[in-house]
Amino acid sequence: MKLLASVFGGLRISALPKPFQVAPRLYSTAAASSETGAKPFASGHNLDSILTEKRKTTKHILSRKTFLVDYYTHLNRTNEIVLYVHHNNLVKTENKKFRTELSKNGAKLTLIRNSIYNVFLKSENEADPADEQTSKKNKDVKHPIAPLLNGPTAIITVPKCEPQVVEKILKTLKGANEKLILIGAKIEQQVFNIDQVDEFKKLPSKEDLQAQLLGTLTVLGGSGLVQVLETPAKLLYLTGKELVKMNEEESD
């Protein structure tokens, strides 16, 4: 088990979705069985062969690189908002302070390794970004987020698409004295630049926005409903922005 701890650097295996937990679970089973003298696997099979039958990853399935690709995949697929920030020489106390402040708003700060995160980005729409053949197929893919990954980088993840939470996070970043600097975002799989994030934070909640859109659709009729349902998320965001502007003008 000491080897497992050194490989994964203290990251919680239970945080990963089930398909990505197979390697650590099997390793733990093997370690426990060796202590009791039991034979965990059928004759003619060893741990490596069983693990590689499950997944064909670029690096060994128990390697830290494979774990990190899986972990970044998990974070991106379970959070609707991912904010990208540069961090400048965070000491341990500052790291803990910012993590605590962000967690109060339901957000999580994770320092990333750019080269490994880019492996995920190249294959983010694939079933298994760590798969060997998938990585080879997508090795030349250029993701729009990739140019931002220069120097010390971290991501701030938010489970739900809530503009008010982003507004609170940006206030925290503003008070960080340039220790954490926003460089971009991915919101519901759409890439946003800094200015777009600043506009996004001013939007009403998704529920309020849906109510406003419903009112508009009532006027437009059935064809308007079909049109909006076929609208990409980014355009829907811009439509919502215009609705907010119109409501503000009417109130004035």
C-alpha atoms as a PDB file:
ATOM      1  CA  MET A   1       0.000   0.000   0.000  1.00  0.00           C
ATOM      2  CA  LYS A   2       2.978   2.337   0.461  1.00  0.00           C
ATOM      3  CA  LEU A   3       3.655   2.031  -3.260  1.00  0.00           C
ATOM      4  CA  LEU A   4       0.070   2.957  -4.073  1.00  0.00           C
ATOM      5  CA  ALA A   5       0.313   6.047  -1.879  1.00  0.00           C
ATOM      6  CA  SER A   6       3.531   7.163  -3.552  1.00  0.00           C
ATOM      7  CA  VAL A   7       2.114   6.644  -7.042  1.00  0.00           C
ATOM      8  CA  PHE A   8      -1.078   8.611  -6.473  1.00  0.00           C
ATOM      9  CA  GLY A   9       0.334  11.270  -4.198  1.00  0.00           C
ATOM     10  CA  GLY A  10      -2.494  11.215  -1.666  1.00  0.00           C
ATOM     11  CA  LEU A  11      -5.297  11.926  -4.181  1.00  0.00           C
ATOM     12  CA  ARG A  12      -8.551  10.209  -3.274  1.00  0.00           C
ATOM     13  CA  ILE A  13      -9.275   7.258  -5.554  1.00  0.00           C
ATOM     14  CA  SER A  14     -12.906   7.258  -4.419  1.00  0.00           C
ATOM     15  CA  ALA A  15     -13.349  10.638  -6.107  1.00  0.00           C
ATOM     16  CA  LEU A  16     -13.103   9.009  -9.533  1.00  0.00           C
ATOM     17  CA  PRO A  17     -16.004   7.459 -11.447  1.00  0.00           C
ATOM     18  CA  LYS A  18     -16.146   3.654 -11.339  1.00  0.00           C
ATOM     19  CA  PRO A  19     -14.462   2.944 -14.721  1.00  0.00           C
ATOM     20  CA  PHE A  20     -11.349   4.761 -13.482  1.00  0.00           C
ATOM     21  CA  GLN A  21     -11.220   3.029 -10.080  1.00  0.00           C
ATOM     22  CA  VAL A  22     -10.464  -0.481 -11.352  1.00  0.00           C
ATOM     23  CA  ALA A  23      -6.685  -0.232 -11.121  1.00  0.00           C
ATOM     24  CA  PRO A  24      -6.441   1.000  -7.507  1.00  0.00           C
ATOM     25  CA  ARG A  25      -9.095  -1.488  -6.359  1.00  0.00           C
ATOM     26  CA  LEU A  26      -7.295  -4.430  -7.923  1.00  0.00           C
ATOM     27  CA  TYR A  27      -3.977  -3.257  -6.524  1.00  0.00           C
ATOM     28  CA  SER A  28      -5.475  -3.028  -3.035  1.00  0.00           C
ATOM     29  CA  THR A  29      -6.944  -6.513  -3.400  1.00  0.00           C
ATOM     30  CA  ALA A  30      -3.573  -7.902  -4.388  1.00  0.00           C
ATOM     31  CA  ALA A  31      -1.825  -6.221  -1.463  1.00  0.00           C
ATOM     32  CA  ALA A  32      -4.401  -7.449   1.040  1.00  0.00           C
ATOM     33  CA  SER A  33      -4.245 -10.985  -0.309  1.00  0.00           C
ATOM     34  CA  SER A  34      -0.441 -11.087  -0.091  1.00  0.00           C
ATOM     35  CA  GLU A  35      -0.705 -10.305   3.615  1.00  0.00           C
ATOM     36  CA  THR A  36      -3.118 -13.188   4.223  1.00  0.00           C
ATOM     37  CA  GLY A  37      -1.380 -15.680   1.931  1.00  0.00           C
ATOM     38  CA  ALA A  38      -4.473 -16.041  -0.257  1.00  0.00           C
ATOM     39  CA  LYS A  39      -4.226 -16.222  -4.055  1.00  0.00           C
ATOM     40  CA  PRO A  40      -6.359 -13.366  -5.427  1.00  0.00           C
ATOM     41  CA  PHE A  41      -6.077 -14.273  -9.118  1.00  0.00           C
ATOM     42  CA  ALA A  42      -6.576 -17.428 -11.101  1.00  0.00           C
ATOM     43  CA  SER A  43      -3.553 -19.557 -11.982  1.00  0.00           C
ATOM     44  CA  GLY A  44      -1.533 -18.133 -14.874  1.00  0.00           C
ATOM     45  CA  HIS A  45      -2.686 -14.541 -14.280  1.00  0.00           C
ATOM     46  CA  ASN A  46      -0.860 -11.727 -12.556  1.00  0.00           C
ATOM     47  CA  LEU A  47      -1.857  -8.193 -11.597  1.00  0.00           C
ATOM     48  CA  ASP A  48      -0.373  -6.524 -14.687  1.00  0.00           C
ATOM     49  CA  SER A  49      -2.145  -8.830 -17.130  1.00  0.00           C
ATOM     50  CA  ILE A  50      -5.522  -8.348 -15.425  1.00  0.00           C
ATOM     51  CA  LEU A  51      -5.155  -4.567 -15.340  1.00  0.00           C
ATOM     52  CA  THR A  52      -4.086  -4.290 -18.973  1.00  0.00           C
ATOM     53  CA  GLU A  53      -7.009  -6.484 -20.030  1.00  0.00           C
ATOM     54  CA  LYS A  54      -9.314  -3.847 -18.559  1.00  0.00           C
ATOM     55  CA  ARG A  55      -7.711  -0.784 -20.203  1.00  0.00           C
ATOM     56  CA  LYS A  56      -4.926  -0.147 -22.700  1.00  0.00           C
ATOM     57  CA  THR A  57      -3.496   3.154 -21.468  1.00  0.00           C
ATOM     58  CA  THR A  58      -0.494   5.084 -22.823  1.00  0.00           C
ATOM     59  CA  LYS A  59       1.315   4.817 -19.503  1.00  0.00           C
ATOM     60  CA  HIS A  60       0.938   1.930 -17.058  1.00  0.00           C
ATOM     61  CA  ILE A  61      -2.534   1.916 -15.581  1.00  0.00           C
ATOM     62  CA  LEU A  62      -1.087   2.347 -12.069  1.00  0.00           C
ATOM     63  CA  SER A  63       1.095   5.285 -13.083  1.00  0.00           C
ATOM     64  CA  ARG A  64       0.556   8.762 -11.704  1.00  0.00           C
ATOM     65  CA  LYS A  65       0.121  10.136 -15.246  1.00  0.00           C
ATOM     66  CA  THR A  66      -2.791   7.799 -15.982  1.00  0.00           C
ATOM     67  CA  PHE A  67      -4.372   8.648 -12.652  1.00  0.00           C
ATOM     68  CA  LEU A  68      -4.097  12.397 -13.318  1.00  0.00           C
ATOM     69  CA  VAL A  69      -5.624  12.107 -16.799  1.00  0.00           C
ATOM     70  CA  ASP A  70      -8.492  10.176 -15.221  1.00  0.00           C
ATOM     71  CA  TYR A  71      -8.821  12.727 -12.422  1.00  0.00           C
ATOM     72  CA  TYR A  72      -8.909  15.703 -14.812  1.00  0.00           C
ATOM     73  CA  THR A  73     -11.491  13.836 -16.899  1.00  0.00           C
ATOM     74  CA  HIS A  74     -13.608  13.328 -13.797  1.00  0.00           C
ATOM     75  CA  LEU A  75     -13.389  16.990 -12.755  1.00  0.00           C
ATOM     76  CA  ASN A  76     -14.417  18.224 -16.192  1.00  0.00           C
ATOM     77  CA  ARG A  77     -17.288  15.777 -16.600  1.00  0.00           C
ATOM     78  CA  THR A  78     -18.809  16.368 -13.181  1.00  0.00           C
ATOM     79  CA  ASN A  79     -18.613  20.182 -13.166  1.00  0.00           C
ATOM     80  CA  GLU A  80     -20.483  22.521 -15.508  1.00  0.00           C
ATOM     81  CA  ILE A  81     -18.060  25.411 -14.904  1.00  0.00           C
ATOM     82  CA  VAL A  82     -14.256  25.214 -15.092  1.00  0.00           C
ATOM     83  CA  LEU A  83     -12.352  28.451 -14.499  1.00  0.00           C
ATOM     84  CA  TYR A  84      -8.666  28.554 -15.476  1.00  0.00           C
ATOM     85  CA  VAL A  85      -6.286  30.643 -13.370  1.00  0.00           C
ATOM     86  CA  HIS A  86      -2.568  31.320 -13.102  1.00  0.00           C
ATOM     87  CA  HIS A  87      -1.220  30.948  -9.574  1.00  0.00           C
ATOM     88  CA  ASN A  88       1.852  32.883  -8.481  1.00  0.00           C
ATOM     89  CA  ASN A  89       4.082  31.241  -5.884  1.00  0.00           C
ATOM     90  CA  LEU A  90       1.330  30.094  -3.544  1.00  0.00           C
ATOM     91  CA  VAL A  91       2.702  29.144  -0.138  1.00  0.00           C
ATOM     92  CA  LYS A  92       1.004  26.431   1.863  1.00  0.00           C
ATOM     93  CA  THR A  93      -1.018  28.841   4.030  1.00  0.00           C
ATOM     94  CA  GLU A  94      -2.262  30.785   0.985  1.00  0.00           C
ATOM     95  CA  ASN A  95      -3.197  27.588  -0.797  1.00  0.00           C
ATOM     96  CA  LYS A  96      -5.261  26.473   2.194  1.00  0.00           C
ATOM     97  CA  LYS A  97      -6.835  29.921   2.592  1.00  0.00           C
ATOM     98  CA  PHE A  98      -8.021  30.138  -1.038  1.00  0.00           C
ATOM     99  CA  ARG A  99      -9.279  26.556  -1.033  1.00  0.00           C
ATOM    100  CA  THR A 100     -11.327  27.296   2.089  1.00  0.00           C
ATOM    101  CA  GLU A 101     -12.779  30.528   0.681  1.00  0.00           C
ATOM    102  CA  LEU A 102     -13.712  28.901  -2.607  1.00  0.00           C
ATOM    103  CA  SER A 103     -15.241  25.865  -0.930  1.00  0.00           C
ATOM    104  CA  LYS A 104     -17.678  28.161   0.893  1.00  0.00           C
ATOM    105  CA  ASN A 105     -19.188  28.889  -2.522  1.00  0.00           C
ATOM    106  CA  GLY A 106     -19.228  25.244  -3.563  1.00  0.00           C
ATOM    107  CA  ALA A 107     -16.090  25.616  -5.719  1.00  0.00           C
ATOM    108  CA  LYS A 108     -12.885  23.594  -5.688  1.00  0.00           C
ATOM    109  CA  LEU A 109      -9.312  24.708  -6.443  1.00  0.00           C
ATOM    110  CA  THR A 110      -7.033  22.137  -8.104  1.00  0.00           C
ATOM    111  CA  LEU A 111      -3.448  22.783  -9.175  1.00  0.00           C
ATOM    112  CA  ILE A 112      -2.809  21.026 -12.487  1.00  0.00           C
ATOM    113  CA  ARG A 113       0.138  19.728 -14.481  1.00  0.00           C
ATOM    114  CA  ASN A 114      -0.210  21.434 -17.834  1.00  0.00           C
ATOM    115  CA  SER A 115       1.296  18.718 -20.028  1.00  0.00           C
ATOM    116  CA  ILE A 116      -0.938  16.006 -18.564  1.00  0.00           C
ATOM    117  CA  TYR A 117      -4.029  18.238 -18.584  1.00  0.00           C
ATOM    118  CA  ASN A 118      -3.383  18.837 -22.277  1.00  0.00           C
ATOM    119  CA  VAL A 119      -3.492  15.069 -22.839  1.00  0.00           C
ATOM    120  CA  PHE A 120      -7.039  15.162 -21.471  1.00  0.00           C
ATOM    121  CA  LEU A 121      -7.988  18.219 -23.565  1.00  0.00           C
ATOM    122  CA  LYS A 122      -6.900  16.566 -26.821  1.00  0.00           C
ATOM    123  CA  SER A 123      -9.332  13.683 -26.188  1.00  0.00           C
ATOM    124  CA  GLU A 124     -11.936  15.277 -23.924  1.00  0.00           C
ATOM    125  CA  ASN A 125     -14.839  14.052 -26.081  1.00  0.00           C
ATOM    126  CA  GLU A 126     -13.577  10.474 -26.129  1.00  0.00           C
ATOM    127  CA  ALA A 127     -14.803   7.757 -23.780  1.00  0.00           C
ATOM    128  CA  ASP A 128     -11.350   7.260 -22.257  1.00  0.00           C
ATOM    129  CA  PRO A 129      -8.834  10.114 -22.815  1.00  0.00           C
ATOM    130  CA  ALA A 130      -6.056   7.992 -21.277  1.00  0.00           C
ATOM    131  CA  ASP A 131      -6.523   5.186 -23.807  1.00  0.00           C
ATOM    132  CA  GLU A 132      -3.357   4.505 -25.820  1.00  0.00           C
ATOM    133  CA  GLN A 133      -4.966   4.395 -29.268  1.00  0.00           C
ATOM    134  CA  THR A 134      -7.127   7.423 -28.502  1.00  0.00           C
ATOM    135  CA  SER A 135      -4.073   9.452 -27.460  1.00  0.00           C
ATOM    136  CA  LYS A 136      -2.241   8.512 -30.660  1.00  0.00           C
ATOM    137  CA  LYS A 137      -5.245   9.399 -32.808  1.00  0.00           C
ATOM    138  CA  ASN A 138      -5.631  12.853 -31.194  1.00  0.00           C
ATOM    139  CA  LYS A 139      -1.961  13.749 -30.675  1.00  0.00           C
ATOM    140  CA  ASP A 140      -2.183  16.658 -33.159  1.00  0.00           C
ATOM    141  CA  VAL A 141      -5.481  18.094 -31.870  1.00  0.00           C
ATOM    142  CA  LYS A 142      -5.251  21.775 -30.878  1.00  0.00           C
ATOM    143  CA  HIS A 143      -7.707  22.623 -28.107  1.00  0.00           C
ATOM    144  CA  PRO A 144      -8.637  26.342 -27.682  1.00  0.00           C
ATOM    145  CA  ILE A 145      -7.790  26.130 -23.969  1.00  0.00           C
ATOM    146  CA  ALA A 146      -4.294  24.723 -24.599  1.00  0.00           C
ATOM    147  CA  PRO A 147      -2.578  28.095 -25.307  1.00  0.00           C
ATOM    148  CA  LEU A 148      -3.616  29.279 -21.841  1.00  0.00           C
ATOM    149  CA  LEU A 149      -1.714  26.472 -20.125  1.00  0.00           C
ATOM    150  CA  ASN A 150       1.604  28.253 -19.697  1.00  0.00           C
ATOM    151  CA  GLY A 151       3.294  28.546 -16.332  1.00  0.00           C
ATOM    152  CA  PRO A 152       1.736  27.569 -12.973  1.00  0.00           C
ATOM    153  CA  THR A 153      -1.932  26.834 -13.682  1.00  0.00           C
ATOM    154  CA  ALA A 154      -4.939  25.770 -11.638  1.00  0.00           C
ATOM    155  CA  ILE A 155      -8.611  25.122 -12.265  1.00  0.00           C
ATOM    156  CA  ILE A 156     -11.576  26.181 -10.164  1.00  0.00           C
ATOM    157  CA  THR A 157     -14.492  23.814 -10.667  1.00  0.00           C
ATOM    158  CA  VAL A 158     -18.167  24.519  -9.956  1.00  0.00           C
ATOM    159  CA  PRO A 159     -20.750  21.692 -10.174  1.00  0.00           C
ATOM    160  CA  LYS A 160     -23.682  23.747 -11.495  1.00  0.00           C
ATOM    161  CA  CYS A 161     -23.902  26.551 -14.051  1.00  0.00           C
ATOM    162  CA  GLU A 162     -24.639  29.400 -11.627  1.00  0.00           C
ATOM    163  CA  PRO A 163     -23.534  32.944 -12.595  1.00  0.00           C
ATOM    164  CA  GLN A 164     -23.882  34.149  -8.992  1.00  0.00           C
ATOM    165  CA  VAL A 165     -21.264  31.629  -7.865  1.00  0.00           C
ATOM    166  CA  VAL A 166     -18.877  32.846 -10.563  1.00  0.00           C
ATOM    167  CA  GLU A 167     -19.408  36.420  -9.364  1.00  0.00           C
ATOM    168  CA  LYS A 168     -18.422  35.418  -5.823  1.00  0.00           C
ATOM    169  CA  ILE A 169     -15.373  33.531  -7.099  1.00  0.00           C
ATOM    170  CA  LEU A 170     -14.207  36.555  -9.100  1.00  0.00           C
ATOM    171  CA  LYS A 171     -14.457  38.682  -5.957  1.00  0.00           C
ATOM    172  CA  THR A 172     -12.221  36.160  -4.188  1.00  0.00           C
ATOM    173  CA  LEU A 173      -9.725  36.322  -7.060  1.00  0.00           C
ATOM    174  CA  LYS A 174      -9.780  40.126  -7.005  1.00  0.00           C
ATOM    175  CA  GLY A 175      -8.791  40.054  -3.352  1.00  0.00           C
ATOM    176  CA  ALA A 176      -6.022  37.518  -3.949  1.00  0.00           C
ATOM    177  CA  ASN A 177      -3.449  40.232  -4.752  1.00  0.00           C
ATOM    178  CA  GLU A 178      -2.592  38.621  -8.115  1.00  0.00           C
ATOM    179  CA  LYS A 179      -1.859  35.277  -6.492  1.00  0.00           C
ATOM    180  CA  LEU A 180      -4.711  33.831  -8.572  1.00  0.00           C
ATOM    181  CA  ILE A 181      -5.371  35.410 -11.978  1.00  0.00           C
ATOM    182  CA  LEU A 182      -8.294  34.419 -14.226  1.00  0.00           C
ATOM    183  CA  ILE A 183      -7.209  33.512 -17.771  1.00  0.00           C
ATOM    184  CA  GLY A 184     -10.307  31.849 -19.235  1.00  0.00           C
ATOM    185  CA  ALA A 185     -13.128  29.404 -18.633  1.00  0.00           C
ATOM    186  CA  LYS A 186     -15.124  26.510 -19.969  1.00  0.00           C
ATOM    187  CA  ILE A 187     -18.829  26.834 -19.185  1.00  0.00           C
ATOM    188  CA  GLU A 188     -21.103  23.983 -20.224  1.00  0.00           C
ATOM    189  CA  GLN A 189     -18.400  22.877 -22.694  1.00  0.00           C
ATOM    190  CA  GLN A 190     -18.193  26.342 -24.308  1.00  0.00           C
ATOM    191  CA  VAL A 191     -14.870  28.208 -24.099  1.00  0.00           C
ATOM    192  CA  PHE A 192     -15.145  31.737 -22.650  1.00  0.00           C
ATOM    193  CA  ASN A 193     -12.525  34.470 -22.584  1.00  0.00           C
ATOM    194  CA  ILE A 194     -12.100  36.829 -19.611  1.00  0.00           C
ATOM    195  CA  ASP A 195     -14.548  39.443 -20.925  1.00  0.00           C
ATOM    196  CA  GLN A 196     -17.211  36.814 -21.588  1.00  0.00           C
ATOM    197  CA  VAL A 197     -16.799  35.425 -18.067  1.00  0.00           C
ATOM    198  CA  ASP A 198     -17.239  38.961 -16.709  1.00  0.00           C
ATOM    199  CA  GLU A 199     -20.491  39.296 -18.676  1.00  0.00           C
ATOM    200  CA  PHE A 200     -21.638  35.807 -17.706  1.00  0.00           C
ATOM    201  CA  LYS A 201     -21.449  36.599 -13.985  1.00  0.00           C
ATOM    202  CA  LYS A 202     -24.096  39.321 -14.484  1.00  0.00           C
ATOM    203  CA  LEU A 203     -26.690  36.915 -15.823  1.00  0.00           C
ATOM    204  CA  PRO A 204     -29.626  35.810 -13.682  1.00  0.00           C
ATOM    205  CA  SER A 205     -29.793  32.235 -12.453  1.00  0.00           C
ATOM    206  CA  LYS A 206     -30.610  29.514 -14.956  1.00  0.00           C
ATOM    207  CA  GLU A 207     -34.098  29.198 -13.477  1.00  0.00           C
ATOM    208  CA  ASP A 208     -34.775  32.949 -13.862  1.00  0.00           C
ATOM    209  CA  LEU A 209     -33.340  32.935 -17.369  1.00  0.00           C
ATOM    210  CA  GLN A 210     -35.538  29.990 -18.334  1.00  0.00           C
ATOM    211  CA  ALA A 211     -38.579  31.841 -17.016  1.00  0.00           C
ATOM    212  CA  GLN A 212     -37.697  34.911 -19.118  1.00  0.00           C
ATOM    213  CA  LEU A 213     -37.138  32.752 -22.191  1.00  0.00           C
ATOM    214  CA  LEU A 214     -40.458  31.010 -21.611  1.00  0.00           C
ATOM    215  CA  GLY A 215     -42.173  34.393 -21.631  1.00  0.00           C
ATOM    216  CA  THR A 216     -40.477  35.233 -24.923  1.00  0.00           C
ATOM    217  CA  LEU A 217     -41.413  31.859 -26.413  1.00  0.00           C
ATOM    218  CA  THR A 218     -45.039  32.431 -25.496  1.00  0.00           C
ATOM    219  CA  VAL A 219     -44.971  35.453 -27.805  1.00  0.00           C
ATOM    220  CA  LEU A 220     -42.987  33.712 -30.547  1.00  0.00           C
ATOM    221  CA  GLY A 221     -45.166  30.608 -30.667  1.00  0.00           C
ATOM    222  CA  GLY A 222     -44.215  27.031 -31.619  1.00  0.00           C
ATOM    223  CA  SER A 223     -41.658  27.900 -34.304  1.00  0.00           C
ATOM    224  CA  GLY A 224     -39.805  30.082 -31.801  1.00  0.00           C
ATOM    225  CA  LEU A 225     -39.580  27.169 -29.379  1.00  0.00           C
ATOM    226  CA  VAL A 226     -37.964  24.945 -31.994  1.00  0.00           C
ATOM    227  CA  GLN A 227     -35.532  27.703 -32.937  1.00  0.00           C
ATOM    228  CA  VAL A 228     -34.369  28.270 -29.342  1.00  0.00           C
ATOM    229  CA  LEU A 229     -34.036  24.553 -28.648  1.00  0.00           C
ATOM    230  CA  GLU A 230     -31.677  24.312 -31.615  1.00  0.00           C
ATOM    231  CA  THR A 231     -29.611  27.316 -30.498  1.00  0.00           C
ATOM    232  CA  PRO A 232     -26.037  26.589 -29.269  1.00  0.00           C
ATOM    233  CA  ALA A 233     -25.383  27.351 -25.603  1.00  0.00           C
ATOM    234  CA  LYS A 234     -23.197  30.364 -26.337  1.00  0.00           C
ATOM    235  CA  LEU A 235     -25.860  32.039 -28.481  1.00  0.00           C
ATOM    236  CA  LEU A 236     -28.438  31.254 -25.822  1.00  0.00           C
ATOM    237  CA  TYR A 237     -26.178  32.990 -23.335  1.00  0.00           C
ATOM    238  CA  LEU A 238     -26.037  36.083 -25.584  1.00  0.00           C
ATOM    239  CA  THR A 239     -29.834  36.023 -25.961  1.00  0.00           C
ATOM    240  CA  GLY A 240     -30.166  35.931 -22.190  1.00  0.00           C
ATOM    241  CA  LYS A 241     -27.783  38.846 -21.911  1.00  0.00           C
ATOM    242  CA  GLU A 242     -29.961  40.930 -24.255  1.00  0.00           C
ATOM    243  CA  LEU A 243     -33.066  40.000 -22.262  1.00  0.00           C
ATOM    244  CA  VAL A 244     -31.415  41.224 -19.075  1.00  0.00           C
ATOM    245  CA  LYS A 245     -30.455  44.481 -20.810  1.00  0.00           C
ATOM    246  CA  MET A 246     -34.012  45.010 -22.071  1.00  0.00           C
ATOM    247  CA  ASN A 247     -35.454  44.393 -18.610  1.00  0.00           C
ATOM    248  CA  GLU A 248     -33.017  46.893 -17.085  1.00  0.00           C
ATOM    249  CA  GLU A 249     -33.992  49.540 -19.668  1.00  0.00           C
ATOM    250  CA  GLU A 250     -37.692  48.957 -18.989  1.00  0.00           C
ATOM    251  CA  SER A 251     -37.159  49.318 -15.240  1.00  0.00           C
ATOM    252  CA  ASP A 252     -35.351  52.627 -15.809  1.00  0.00           C
END
